[in-house]
Amino acid sequence: MPQHDPGQLKHLEGLRVCLALSDGSRIDDCELVAVGGASPGHLWVHANGSDAFVPLTHVADVWEAGRRGRG
């Protein structure tokens, strides 16, 4: 599983993204609100009307929605 550098994910803030998680689940077509910030080591995403804070250690892959991801 790749270790994501929060700085390398900053360019995706405000965009629609898909996340593949280390447990094999996915969060598709969510908004990446922030990387780190008030919750260091986490991605803040908004999906299905709710906010979630996903630990970077649980993220296997991140890609912009509408593009093919690995996973």
N, C-alpha and C. Protein backbone atom coordinates (compact mmCIF):
# COMPACT_ATOMS: atom_id res chain seq x y z
N MET A 1 0.85 -1.17 0.00
CA MET A 1 0.00 0.00 0.00
C MET A 1 0.89 1.24 0.00
N PRO A 2 0.65 2.17 -0.91
CA PRO A 2 1.49 3.37 -0.95
C PRO A 2 1.22 4.29 0.24
N GLN A 3 2.25 4.95 0.69
CA GLN A 3 2.09 5.96 1.73
C GLN A 3 1.93 7.30 1.03
N HIS A 4 0.80 7.97 1.27
CA HIS A 4 0.51 9.21 0.58
C HIS A 4 1.09 10.40 1.33
N ASP A 5 1.76 11.25 0.58
CA ASP A 5 2.27 12.51 1.11
C ASP A 5 1.14 13.53 1.01
N PRO A 6 0.70 14.09 2.15
CA PRO A 6 -0.41 15.05 2.10
C PRO A 6 -0.16 16.19 1.12
N GLY A 7 1.09 16.63 0.99
CA GLY A 7 1.41 17.72 0.08
C GLY A 7 1.12 17.36 -1.37
N GLN A 8 1.27 16.09 -1.72
CA GLN A 8 1.02 15.65 -3.09
C GLN A 8 -0.46 15.52 -3.40
N LEU A 9 -1.31 15.50 -2.37
CA LEU A 9 -2.75 15.40 -2.57
C LEU A 9 -3.45 16.76 -2.53
N LYS A 10 -2.74 17.80 -2.12
CA LYS A 10 -3.34 19.13 -1.99
C LYS A 10 -3.97 19.62 -3.29
N HIS A 11 -3.39 19.25 -4.44
CA HIS A 11 -3.92 19.72 -5.73
C HIS A 11 -5.31 19.16 -6.02
N LEU A 12 -5.74 18.14 -5.26
CA LEU A 12 -7.07 17.55 -5.44
C LEU A 12 -8.13 18.19 -4.55
N GLU A 13 -7.73 19.07 -3.64
CA GLU A 13 -8.70 19.72 -2.75
C GLU A 13 -9.73 20.48 -3.57
N GLY A 14 -10.99 20.31 -3.19
CA GLY A 14 -12.08 20.98 -3.87
C GLY A 14 -12.61 20.22 -5.08
N LEU A 15 -11.95 19.13 -5.45
CA LEU A 15 -12.37 18.34 -6.61
C LEU A 15 -13.15 17.10 -6.18
N ARG A 16 -13.86 16.51 -7.13
CA ARG A 16 -14.54 15.23 -6.91
C ARG A 16 -13.49 14.14 -7.09
N VAL A 17 -13.38 13.27 -6.10
CA VAL A 17 -12.38 12.20 -6.13
C VAL A 17 -13.01 10.86 -5.78
N CYS A 18 -12.25 9.81 -6.00
CA CYS A 18 -12.60 8.46 -5.56
C CYS A 18 -11.46 7.98 -4.67
N LEU A 19 -11.81 7.26 -3.61
CA LEU A 19 -10.82 6.70 -2.71
C LEU A 19 -10.95 5.19 -2.70
N ALA A 20 -9.83 4.50 -2.81
CA ALA A 20 -9.78 3.07 -2.56
C ALA A 20 -9.15 2.92 -1.18
N LEU A 21 -9.81 2.19 -0.30
CA LEU A 21 -9.33 2.04 1.07
C LEU A 21 -8.62 0.70 1.25
N SER A 22 -7.78 0.62 2.24
CA SER A 22 -6.96 -0.56 2.46
C SER A 22 -7.77 -1.81 2.80
N ASP A 23 -9.01 -1.63 3.26
CA ASP A 23 -9.85 -2.80 3.56
C ASP A 23 -10.60 -3.32 2.33
N GLY A 24 -10.34 -2.72 1.15
CA GLY A 24 -10.97 -3.14 -0.09
C GLY A 24 -12.22 -2.36 -0.44
N SER A 25 -12.71 -1.51 0.46
CA SER A 25 -13.89 -0.69 0.17
C SER A 25 -13.47 0.56 -0.59
N ARG A 26 -14.47 1.27 -1.10
CA ARG A 26 -14.21 2.50 -1.84
C ARG A 26 -15.21 3.57 -1.43
N ILE A 27 -14.79 4.80 -1.59
CA ILE A 27 -15.67 5.96 -1.48
C ILE A 27 -15.57 6.64 -2.84
N ASP A 28 -16.64 6.52 -3.63
CA ASP A 28 -16.61 7.05 -4.99
C ASP A 28 -17.31 8.39 -5.08
N ASP A 29 -16.80 9.24 -5.96
CA ASP A 29 -17.40 10.53 -6.30
C ASP A 29 -17.74 11.36 -5.06
N CYS A 30 -16.73 11.59 -4.24
CA CYS A 30 -16.88 12.45 -3.07
C CYS A 30 -16.06 13.72 -3.30
N GLU A 31 -16.34 14.75 -2.53
CA GLU A 31 -15.55 15.97 -2.61
C GLU A 31 -14.42 15.89 -1.60
N LEU A 32 -13.21 16.11 -2.06
CA LEU A 32 -12.07 16.20 -1.14
C LEU A 32 -12.04 17.62 -0.61
N VAL A 33 -12.51 17.79 0.62
CA VAL A 33 -12.61 19.12 1.22
C VAL A 33 -11.23 19.62 1.63
N ALA A 34 -10.46 18.79 2.32
CA ALA A 34 -9.14 19.23 2.79
C ALA A 34 -8.25 18.03 3.06
N VAL A 35 -6.95 18.28 2.93
CA VAL A 35 -5.94 17.30 3.28
C VAL A 35 -5.25 17.82 4.53
N GLY A 36 -5.33 17.05 5.61
CA GLY A 36 -4.72 17.49 6.86
C GLY A 36 -5.52 18.62 7.49
N GLY A 37 -4.91 19.77 7.60
CA GLY A 37 -5.59 20.93 8.20
C GLY A 37 -5.90 20.70 9.66
N ALA A 38 -7.17 20.82 10.03
CA ALA A 38 -7.59 20.67 11.43
C ALA A 38 -7.44 19.24 11.92
N SER A 39 -7.32 18.30 10.99
CA SER A 39 -7.18 16.89 11.37
C SER A 39 -5.97 16.30 10.65
N PRO A 40 -4.75 16.58 11.16
CA PRO A 40 -3.54 16.11 10.49
C PRO A 40 -3.54 14.59 10.30
N GLY A 41 -3.04 14.16 9.14
CA GLY A 41 -2.97 12.74 8.85
C GLY A 41 -4.28 12.17 8.33
N HIS A 42 -5.23 13.04 8.01
CA HIS A 42 -6.55 12.61 7.52
C HIS A 42 -6.94 13.35 6.25
N LEU A 43 -7.82 12.72 5.48
CA LEU A 43 -8.49 13.39 4.38
C LEU A 43 -9.90 13.72 4.84
N TRP A 44 -10.32 14.94 4.62
CA TRP A 44 -11.69 15.36 4.94
C TRP A 44 -12.46 15.27 3.63
N VAL A 45 -13.44 14.36 3.59
CA VAL A 45 -14.25 14.20 2.39
C VAL A 45 -15.71 14.42 2.72
N HIS A 46 -16.46 14.83 1.70
CA HIS A 46 -17.90 15.02 1.83
C HIS A 46 -18.56 14.11 0.80
N ALA A 47 -19.37 13.16 1.30
CA ALA A 47 -20.03 12.20 0.42
C ALA A 47 -21.41 11.89 0.95
N ASN A 48 -22.37 11.83 0.05
CA ASN A 48 -23.74 11.45 0.41
C ASN A 48 -24.30 12.31 1.55
N GLY A 49 -23.99 13.60 1.53
CA GLY A 49 -24.53 14.53 2.52
C GLY A 49 -23.86 14.51 3.87
N SER A 50 -22.75 13.77 4.00
CA SER A 50 -22.05 13.67 5.28
C SER A 50 -20.56 13.93 5.10
N ASP A 51 -19.95 14.41 6.16
CA ASP A 51 -18.50 14.59 6.19
C ASP A 51 -17.86 13.36 6.82
N ALA A 52 -16.67 13.03 6.35
CA ALA A 52 -15.90 11.93 6.93
C ALA A 52 -14.44 12.34 6.98
N PHE A 53 -13.75 11.86 7.98
CA PHE A 53 -12.32 12.10 8.13
C PHE A 53 -11.64 10.74 8.02
N VAL A 54 -10.96 10.52 6.90
CA VAL A 54 -10.37 9.23 6.59
C VAL A 54 -8.87 9.28 6.87
N PRO A 55 -8.37 8.42 7.77
CA PRO A 55 -6.93 8.41 8.02
C PRO A 55 -6.14 8.08 6.75
N LEU A 56 -5.09 8.83 6.48
CA LEU A 56 -4.26 8.57 5.31
C LEU A 56 -3.71 7.15 5.33
N THR A 57 -3.51 6.58 6.50
CA THR A 57 -2.99 5.22 6.60
C THR A 57 -3.98 4.19 6.09
N HIS A 58 -5.25 4.57 5.94
CA HIS A 58 -6.28 3.66 5.44
C HIS A 58 -6.54 3.84 3.95
N VAL A 59 -5.84 4.79 3.31
CA VAL A 59 -6.08 5.10 1.91
C VAL A 59 -5.06 4.38 1.04
N ALA A 60 -5.57 3.50 0.15
CA ALA A 60 -4.70 2.77 -0.76
C ALA A 60 -4.46 3.55 -2.05
N ASP A 61 -5.47 4.31 -2.50
CA ASP A 61 -5.33 5.07 -3.74
C ASP A 61 -6.33 6.21 -3.76
N VAL A 62 -5.98 7.27 -4.46
CA VAL A 62 -6.86 8.43 -4.63
C VAL A 62 -6.73 8.87 -6.08
N TRP A 63 -7.88 9.14 -6.72
CA TRP A 63 -7.83 9.67 -8.07
C TRP A 63 -9.02 10.58 -8.30
N GLU A 64 -8.87 11.45 -9.28
CA GLU A 64 -9.95 12.37 -9.61
C GLU A 64 -11.11 11.58 -10.21
N ALA A 65 -12.33 11.86 -9.76
CA ALA A 65 -13.52 11.17 -10.27
C ALA A 65 -13.61 11.40 -11.79
N GLY A 66 -14.03 10.38 -12.50
CA GLY A 66 -14.13 10.47 -13.95
C GLY A 66 -12.88 9.99 -14.65
N ARG A 67 -11.82 9.73 -13.89
CA ARG A 67 -10.60 9.15 -14.44
C ARG A 67 -10.48 7.74 -13.92
N ARG A 68 -9.84 6.91 -14.65
CA ARG A 68 -9.66 5.51 -14.21
C ARG A 68 -8.69 5.45 -13.05
N GLY A 69 -9.08 4.71 -12.03
CA GLY A 69 -8.22 4.52 -10.87
C GLY A 69 -7.60 3.14 -10.89
N ARG A 70 -6.68 2.96 -10.04
CA ARG A 70 -6.06 1.63 -9.87
C ARG A 70 -6.76 0.99 -8.70
N GLY A 71 -7.50 -0.02 -8.94
CA GLY A 71 -8.16 -0.67 -7.81
C GLY A 71 -9.49 -1.03 -8.17
